[in-house]
């Protein structure tokens, strides 16, 4: 459950920060640019917070729950500030046919990789070697 809440919280935080970053752009982004920007920001913040927690020795559930609470508070503040401004939304450009074909191909490849990872076990013991204890 904590993983789902973390995912949703950081995706929303990435979206809010992406909206704030793109607002001042003279050239409105394509919809896929907004999505990729939001995902990149969200994953960067998530991994950065994990690295910070791990390097300081606080990588345990109470600290991670506190991190999620702080991220959710940031989302709420950013959303409230955006809602209060009430600016008209810029028109988004539609991606071209070439971009659409590329994204469909990329999505198909990702679906195949996820299916293959779920169906086929690791091919060799090297894929799981990092789980083994180190030799003395």
N, C-alpha and C. Protein backbone atom coordinates (compact mmCIF):
# COMPACT_ATOMS: atom_id res chain seq x y z
N UNK A 1 0.82 -1.20 0.00
CA UNK A 1 0.00 0.00 0.00
C UNK A 1 0.86 1.27 0.00
N UNK A 2 1.99 1.20 0.75
CA UNK A 2 2.88 2.36 0.79
C UNK A 2 3.47 2.65 -0.58
N UNK A 3 3.74 1.60 -1.35
CA UNK A 3 4.29 1.78 -2.69
C UNK A 3 3.29 2.49 -3.62
N UNK A 4 2.02 2.12 -3.54
CA UNK A 4 1.00 2.75 -4.38
C UNK A 4 0.84 4.22 -4.00
N UNK A 5 0.79 4.50 -2.69
CA UNK A 5 0.66 5.89 -2.25
C UNK A 5 1.88 6.72 -2.66
N UNK A 6 3.06 6.12 -2.57
CA UNK A 6 4.27 6.82 -2.98
C UNK A 6 4.24 7.12 -4.47
N UNK A 7 3.85 6.14 -5.26
CA UNK A 7 3.79 6.33 -6.71
C UNK A 7 2.82 7.45 -7.08
N UNK A 8 1.63 7.40 -6.54
CA UNK A 8 0.62 8.41 -6.85
C UNK A 8 1.08 9.79 -6.38
N UNK A 9 1.63 9.85 -5.18
CA UNK A 9 2.07 11.14 -4.63
C UNK A 9 3.16 11.77 -5.48
N UNK A 10 4.16 10.98 -5.85
CA UNK A 10 5.26 11.55 -6.62
C UNK A 10 4.85 11.84 -8.07
N UNK A 11 3.93 11.06 -8.64
CA UNK A 11 3.44 11.39 -9.98
C UNK A 11 2.66 12.70 -9.96
N UNK A 12 1.86 12.91 -8.94
CA UNK A 12 1.13 14.18 -8.82
C UNK A 12 2.09 15.35 -8.59
N UNK A 13 3.12 15.11 -7.78
CA UNK A 13 4.10 16.17 -7.54
C UNK A 13 4.86 16.50 -8.82
N UNK A 14 5.22 15.48 -9.58
CA UNK A 14 5.88 15.72 -10.86
C UNK A 14 4.99 16.49 -11.82
N UNK A 15 3.69 16.17 -11.83
CA UNK A 15 2.76 16.88 -12.71
C UNK A 15 2.63 18.34 -12.32
N UNK A 16 2.48 18.60 -11.03
CA UNK A 16 2.33 19.98 -10.59
C UNK A 16 3.58 20.81 -10.89
N UNK A 17 4.75 20.22 -10.66
CA UNK A 17 5.98 20.95 -10.97
C UNK A 17 6.15 21.15 -12.47
N UNK A 18 5.75 20.16 -13.25
CA UNK A 18 5.83 20.28 -14.71
C UNK A 18 4.90 21.38 -15.21
N UNK A 19 3.71 21.46 -14.66
CA UNK A 19 2.77 22.51 -15.05
C UNK A 19 3.37 23.88 -14.75
N UNK A 20 4.01 24.02 -13.59
CA UNK A 20 4.62 25.30 -13.23
C UNK A 20 5.80 25.64 -14.14
N UNK A 21 6.56 24.63 -14.54
CA UNK A 21 7.71 24.89 -15.41
C UNK A 21 7.28 25.25 -16.83
N UNK A 22 6.25 24.62 -17.34
CA UNK A 22 5.81 24.86 -18.72
C UNK A 22 4.96 26.12 -18.83
N UNK A 23 4.50 26.66 -17.73
CA UNK A 23 3.58 27.80 -17.79
C UNK A 23 4.21 29.01 -18.46
N UNK A 24 5.49 29.24 -18.25
CA UNK A 24 6.13 30.43 -18.80
C UNK A 24 6.67 30.21 -20.20
N UNK A 25 6.49 29.03 -20.76
CA UNK A 25 7.00 28.73 -22.09
C UNK A 25 6.17 29.45 -23.15
N UNK A 26 6.85 30.09 -24.09
CA UNK A 26 6.15 30.78 -25.18
C UNK A 26 5.57 29.78 -26.17
N UNK A 27 6.22 28.64 -26.32
CA UNK A 27 5.79 27.61 -27.24
C UNK A 27 5.09 26.50 -26.44
N UNK A 28 3.78 26.35 -26.56
CA UNK A 28 3.09 25.33 -25.75
C UNK A 28 3.56 23.93 -26.11
N UNK A 29 3.76 23.08 -25.11
CA UNK A 29 4.29 21.74 -25.38
C UNK A 29 3.25 20.80 -25.96
N UNK A 30 3.75 19.78 -26.64
CA UNK A 30 2.89 18.70 -27.10
C UNK A 30 2.49 17.91 -25.85
N UNK A 31 1.37 17.23 -25.91
CA UNK A 31 0.89 16.50 -24.74
C UNK A 31 1.91 15.49 -24.24
N UNK A 32 2.59 14.81 -25.14
CA UNK A 32 3.56 13.80 -24.72
C UNK A 32 4.75 14.45 -24.02
N UNK A 33 5.09 15.70 -24.39
CA UNK A 33 6.16 16.41 -23.70
C UNK A 33 5.79 16.67 -22.25
N UNK A 34 4.54 17.02 -22.03
CA UNK A 34 4.08 17.23 -20.66
C UNK A 34 4.14 15.95 -19.85
N UNK A 35 3.72 14.84 -20.45
CA UNK A 35 3.71 13.56 -19.75
C UNK A 35 5.14 13.13 -19.41
N UNK A 36 6.03 13.22 -20.39
CA UNK A 36 7.42 12.81 -20.16
C UNK A 36 8.09 13.73 -19.14
N UNK A 37 7.80 15.01 -19.22
CA UNK A 37 8.35 15.96 -18.25
C UNK A 37 7.87 15.62 -16.84
N UNK A 38 6.59 15.34 -16.69
CA UNK A 38 6.04 15.00 -15.39
C UNK A 38 6.66 13.71 -14.85
N UNK A 39 6.78 12.70 -15.70
CA UNK A 39 7.36 11.43 -15.27
C UNK A 39 8.82 11.59 -14.89
N UNK A 40 9.57 12.37 -15.65
CA UNK A 40 10.98 12.57 -15.35
C UNK A 40 11.16 13.28 -14.02
N UNK A 41 10.38 14.31 -13.80
CA UNK A 41 10.48 15.04 -12.53
C UNK A 41 10.08 14.14 -11.37
N UNK A 42 8.99 13.38 -11.55
CA UNK A 42 8.51 12.50 -10.48
C UNK A 42 9.55 11.44 -10.12
N UNK A 43 10.10 10.77 -11.12
CA UNK A 43 11.08 9.72 -10.85
C UNK A 43 12.38 10.29 -10.28
N UNK A 44 12.77 11.47 -10.73
CA UNK A 44 13.97 12.11 -10.19
C UNK A 44 13.79 12.44 -8.72
N UNK A 45 12.65 13.01 -8.37
CA UNK A 45 12.39 13.33 -6.96
C UNK A 45 12.30 12.07 -6.11
N UNK A 46 11.64 11.04 -6.63
CA UNK A 46 11.49 9.79 -5.89
C UNK A 46 12.86 9.16 -5.63
N UNK A 47 13.66 9.01 -6.69
CA UNK A 47 14.97 8.40 -6.52
C UNK A 47 15.90 9.27 -5.68
N UNK A 48 15.82 10.56 -5.85
CA UNK A 48 16.64 11.46 -5.04
C UNK A 48 16.30 11.36 -3.56
N UNK A 49 15.02 11.26 -3.24
CA UNK A 49 14.63 11.13 -1.84
C UNK A 49 15.06 9.77 -1.28
N UNK A 50 15.04 8.73 -2.10
CA UNK A 50 15.52 7.42 -1.64
C UNK A 50 17.03 7.44 -1.40
N UNK A 51 17.77 8.08 -2.29
CA UNK A 51 19.21 8.19 -2.09
C UNK A 51 19.52 9.00 -0.84
N UNK A 52 18.81 10.07 -0.63
CA UNK A 52 19.03 10.89 0.55
C UNK A 52 18.73 10.10 1.83
N UNK A 53 17.63 9.35 1.82
CA UNK A 53 17.28 8.54 2.98
C UNK A 53 18.30 7.42 3.19
N UNK A 54 18.74 6.79 2.11
CA UNK A 54 19.70 5.71 2.24
C UNK A 54 21.06 6.18 2.71
N UNK A 55 21.52 7.31 2.19
CA UNK A 55 22.85 7.81 2.57
C UNK A 55 22.89 8.33 4.00
N UNK A 56 21.76 8.76 4.52
CA UNK A 56 21.72 9.25 5.89
C UNK A 56 21.30 8.18 6.89
N UNK A 57 21.02 6.96 6.40
CA UNK A 57 20.66 5.86 7.29
C UNK A 57 19.22 5.87 7.76
N UNK A 58 18.34 6.53 7.04
CA UNK A 58 16.94 6.63 7.42
C UNK A 58 16.02 5.87 6.47
N UNK A 59 16.50 4.82 5.87
CA UNK A 59 15.71 4.08 4.89
C UNK A 59 14.84 3.03 5.59
N UNK A 60 13.82 3.51 6.31
CA UNK A 60 12.87 2.62 6.96
C UNK A 60 11.48 3.21 6.83
N UNK A 61 10.48 2.41 7.12
CA UNK A 61 9.08 2.75 6.82
C UNK A 61 8.61 4.07 7.44
N UNK A 62 8.88 4.38 8.72
CA UNK A 62 8.37 5.65 9.26
C UNK A 62 8.93 6.87 8.52
N UNK A 63 10.21 6.83 8.17
CA UNK A 63 10.79 7.96 7.44
C UNK A 63 10.20 8.07 6.04
N UNK A 64 9.98 6.93 5.39
CA UNK A 64 9.39 6.96 4.05
C UNK A 64 7.95 7.45 4.10
N UNK A 65 7.23 7.10 5.16
CA UNK A 65 5.86 7.61 5.31
C UNK A 65 5.88 9.12 5.52
N UNK A 66 6.84 9.61 6.31
CA UNK A 66 6.98 11.06 6.51
C UNK A 66 7.32 11.75 5.20
N UNK A 67 8.18 11.13 4.41
CA UNK A 67 8.53 11.68 3.09
C UNK A 67 7.29 11.79 2.21
N UNK A 68 6.43 10.77 2.24
CA UNK A 68 5.20 10.80 1.45
C UNK A 68 4.25 11.90 1.94
N UNK A 69 4.18 12.08 3.24
CA UNK A 69 3.32 13.13 3.79
C UNK A 69 3.82 14.50 3.34
N UNK A 70 5.14 14.71 3.39
CA UNK A 70 5.69 15.99 2.94
C UNK A 70 5.47 16.20 1.44
N UNK A 71 5.62 15.14 0.65
CA UNK A 71 5.38 15.27 -0.80
C UNK A 71 3.90 15.56 -1.07
N UNK A 72 2.99 14.91 -0.33
CA UNK A 72 1.56 15.17 -0.50
C UNK A 72 1.22 16.60 -0.10
N UNK A 73 1.85 17.11 0.94
CA UNK A 73 1.63 18.51 1.34
C UNK A 73 2.12 19.45 0.25
N UNK A 74 3.26 19.14 -0.35
CA UNK A 74 3.77 19.97 -1.45
C UNK A 74 2.81 19.95 -2.64
N UNK A 75 2.25 18.78 -2.94
CA UNK A 75 1.27 18.67 -4.03
C UNK A 75 0.06 19.54 -3.72
N UNK A 76 -0.43 19.46 -2.49
CA UNK A 76 -1.61 20.24 -2.11
C UNK A 76 -1.35 21.74 -2.21
N UNK A 77 -0.19 22.19 -1.77
CA UNK A 77 0.14 23.62 -1.83
C UNK A 77 0.27 24.07 -3.29
N UNK A 78 0.99 23.29 -4.10
CA UNK A 78 1.15 23.66 -5.51
C UNK A 78 -0.17 23.65 -6.26
N UNK A 79 -1.01 22.66 -5.99
CA UNK A 79 -2.32 22.61 -6.64
C UNK A 79 -3.17 23.80 -6.22
N UNK A 80 -3.16 24.14 -4.93
CA UNK A 80 -3.95 25.28 -4.45
C UNK A 80 -3.47 26.57 -5.09
N UNK A 81 -2.17 26.75 -5.19
CA UNK A 81 -1.64 27.98 -5.81
C UNK A 81 -2.03 28.05 -7.28
N UNK A 82 -1.98 26.93 -7.98
CA UNK A 82 -2.37 26.92 -9.39
C UNK A 82 -3.86 27.16 -9.54
N UNK A 83 -4.66 26.58 -8.68
CA UNK A 83 -6.11 26.73 -8.74
C UNK A 83 -6.52 28.16 -8.45
N UNK A 84 -5.80 28.81 -7.53
CA UNK A 84 -6.13 30.18 -7.15
C UNK A 84 -5.83 31.18 -8.25
N UNK A 85 -4.84 30.89 -9.08
CA UNK A 85 -4.46 31.84 -10.13
C UNK A 85 -5.50 31.92 -11.24
N UNK A 86 -6.16 30.82 -11.55
CA UNK A 86 -7.24 30.77 -12.54
C UNK A 86 -6.84 31.37 -13.89
N UNK A 87 -5.71 30.94 -14.41
CA UNK A 87 -5.29 31.37 -15.75
C UNK A 87 -5.93 30.47 -16.78
N UNK A 88 -6.16 30.99 -17.98
CA UNK A 88 -6.67 30.10 -19.04
C UNK A 88 -5.61 29.09 -19.44
N UNK A 89 -6.03 27.88 -19.73
CA UNK A 89 -5.10 26.82 -20.12
C UNK A 89 -4.64 27.03 -21.55
N UNK A 90 -3.34 26.88 -21.80
CA UNK A 90 -2.85 27.03 -23.18
C UNK A 90 -3.27 25.83 -24.02
N UNK A 91 -3.47 26.09 -25.29
CA UNK A 91 -3.83 25.01 -26.21
C UNK A 91 -2.62 24.12 -26.44
N UNK A 92 -2.84 22.82 -26.43
CA UNK A 92 -1.75 21.87 -26.64
C UNK A 92 -1.68 21.49 -28.12
N UNK A 93 -0.45 21.35 -28.60
CA UNK A 93 -0.28 20.89 -29.97
C UNK A 93 -0.44 19.38 -30.01
N UNK A 94 -0.99 18.89 -31.10
CA UNK A 94 -1.14 17.44 -31.26
C UNK A 94 0.12 16.88 -31.91
N UNK A 95 0.54 15.69 -31.45
CA UNK A 95 1.73 15.10 -32.07
C UNK A 95 1.42 14.63 -33.48
N UNK A 96 2.45 14.60 -34.32
CA UNK A 96 2.29 14.15 -35.70
C UNK A 96 2.16 12.64 -35.79
N UNK A 97 1.91 12.15 -37.00
CA UNK A 97 1.73 10.72 -37.23
C UNK A 97 3.01 9.95 -36.97
N UNK A 98 4.16 10.53 -37.29
CA UNK A 98 5.43 9.86 -37.05
C UNK A 98 5.65 9.65 -35.55
N UNK A 99 5.38 10.66 -34.77
CA UNK A 99 5.54 10.54 -33.31
C UNK A 99 4.57 9.51 -32.76
N UNK A 100 3.36 9.48 -33.29
CA UNK A 100 2.37 8.52 -32.81
C UNK A 100 2.82 7.09 -33.11
N UNK A 101 3.34 6.85 -34.29
CA UNK A 101 3.84 5.52 -34.64
C UNK A 101 5.02 5.14 -33.74
N UNK A 102 5.91 6.09 -33.48
CA UNK A 102 7.06 5.81 -32.61
C UNK A 102 6.61 5.47 -31.19
N UNK A 103 5.62 6.18 -30.68
CA UNK A 103 5.15 5.90 -29.32
C UNK A 103 4.40 4.57 -29.25
N UNK A 104 3.69 4.22 -30.30
CA UNK A 104 3.01 2.92 -30.32
C UNK A 104 4.05 1.80 -30.34
N UNK A 105 5.10 1.96 -31.15
CA UNK A 105 6.16 0.96 -31.19
C UNK A 105 6.87 0.85 -29.84
N UNK A 106 7.16 1.98 -29.21
CA UNK A 106 7.80 1.96 -27.91
C UNK A 106 6.90 1.32 -26.85
N UNK A 107 5.62 1.63 -26.89
CA UNK A 107 4.68 1.02 -25.95
C UNK A 107 4.56 -0.48 -26.15
N UNK A 108 4.55 -0.92 -27.41
CA UNK A 108 4.52 -2.36 -27.70
C UNK A 108 5.77 -3.06 -27.19
N UNK A 109 6.92 -2.43 -27.37
CA UNK A 109 8.17 -3.02 -26.89
C UNK A 109 8.17 -3.10 -25.36
N UNK A 110 7.72 -2.06 -24.69
CA UNK A 110 7.65 -2.08 -23.23
C UNK A 110 6.69 -3.16 -22.74
N UNK A 111 5.55 -3.32 -23.40
CA UNK A 111 4.61 -4.38 -23.02
C UNK A 111 5.24 -5.75 -23.20
N UNK A 112 5.97 -5.94 -24.29
CA UNK A 112 6.64 -7.22 -24.52
C UNK A 112 7.68 -7.50 -23.44
N UNK A 113 8.49 -6.50 -23.10
CA UNK A 113 9.52 -6.68 -22.08
C UNK A 113 8.89 -6.99 -20.73
N UNK A 114 7.82 -6.31 -20.37
CA UNK A 114 7.14 -6.60 -19.11
C UNK A 114 6.53 -8.00 -19.11
N UNK A 115 5.94 -8.40 -20.22
CA UNK A 115 5.37 -9.75 -20.32
C UNK A 115 6.47 -10.79 -20.22
N UNK A 116 7.57 -10.56 -20.93
CA UNK A 116 8.67 -11.52 -20.93
C UNK A 116 9.28 -11.65 -19.53
N UNK A 117 9.41 -10.54 -18.83
CA UNK A 117 9.96 -10.59 -17.48
C UNK A 117 9.05 -11.29 -16.50
N UNK A 118 7.74 -11.27 -16.76
CA UNK A 118 6.80 -11.95 -15.87
C UNK A 118 6.67 -13.42 -16.19
N UNK A 119 6.88 -13.81 -17.44
CA UNK A 119 6.66 -15.19 -17.86
C UNK A 119 7.94 -16.02 -17.80
N UNK A 120 9.04 -15.48 -18.29
CA UNK A 120 10.28 -16.24 -18.39
C UNK A 120 11.15 -15.97 -17.16
N UNK A 121 11.61 -17.02 -16.48
CA UNK A 121 12.50 -16.81 -15.33
C UNK A 121 13.87 -16.33 -15.79
N UNK A 122 14.70 -15.88 -14.86
CA UNK A 122 16.06 -15.46 -15.25
C UNK A 122 16.79 -16.57 -15.98
N UNK A 123 17.53 -16.22 -17.02
CA UNK A 123 18.16 -17.19 -17.89
C UNK A 123 19.38 -17.84 -17.21
N UNK A 124 20.11 -17.09 -16.43
CA UNK A 124 21.30 -17.64 -15.79
C UNK A 124 21.35 -17.23 -14.33
N UNK A 125 22.26 -17.85 -13.59
CA UNK A 125 22.39 -17.52 -12.17
C UNK A 125 22.99 -16.12 -11.96
N UNK A 126 23.62 -15.57 -12.97
CA UNK A 126 24.20 -14.24 -12.83
C UNK A 126 23.15 -13.16 -12.60
N UNK A 127 21.94 -13.40 -13.09
CA UNK A 127 20.88 -12.40 -12.93
C UNK A 127 20.48 -12.27 -11.46
N UNK A 128 20.69 -13.31 -10.67
CA UNK A 128 20.32 -13.28 -9.25
C UNK A 128 21.53 -13.28 -8.33
N UNK A 129 22.72 -13.13 -8.87
CA UNK A 129 23.93 -13.25 -8.07
C UNK A 129 24.03 -12.18 -6.99
N UNK A 130 23.46 -11.03 -7.20
CA UNK A 130 23.57 -9.97 -6.19
C UNK A 130 22.77 -10.29 -4.94
N UNK A 131 21.87 -11.29 -4.97
CA UNK A 131 21.14 -11.70 -3.77
C UNK A 131 21.98 -12.61 -2.87
N UNK A 132 23.03 -13.23 -3.40
CA UNK A 132 23.83 -14.17 -2.64
C UNK A 132 24.77 -13.43 -1.69
N UNK A 133 25.08 -14.03 -0.53
CA UNK A 133 26.04 -13.37 0.37
C UNK A 133 27.43 -13.39 -0.25
N UNK A 134 28.23 -12.42 0.16
CA UNK A 134 29.58 -12.34 -0.37
C UNK A 134 30.46 -13.41 0.26
N UNK A 135 31.41 -13.91 -0.51
CA UNK A 135 32.33 -14.93 0.00
C UNK A 135 33.30 -14.30 0.99
N UNK A 136 33.67 -15.05 1.98
CA UNK A 136 34.55 -14.52 3.02
C UNK A 136 36.00 -14.56 2.59
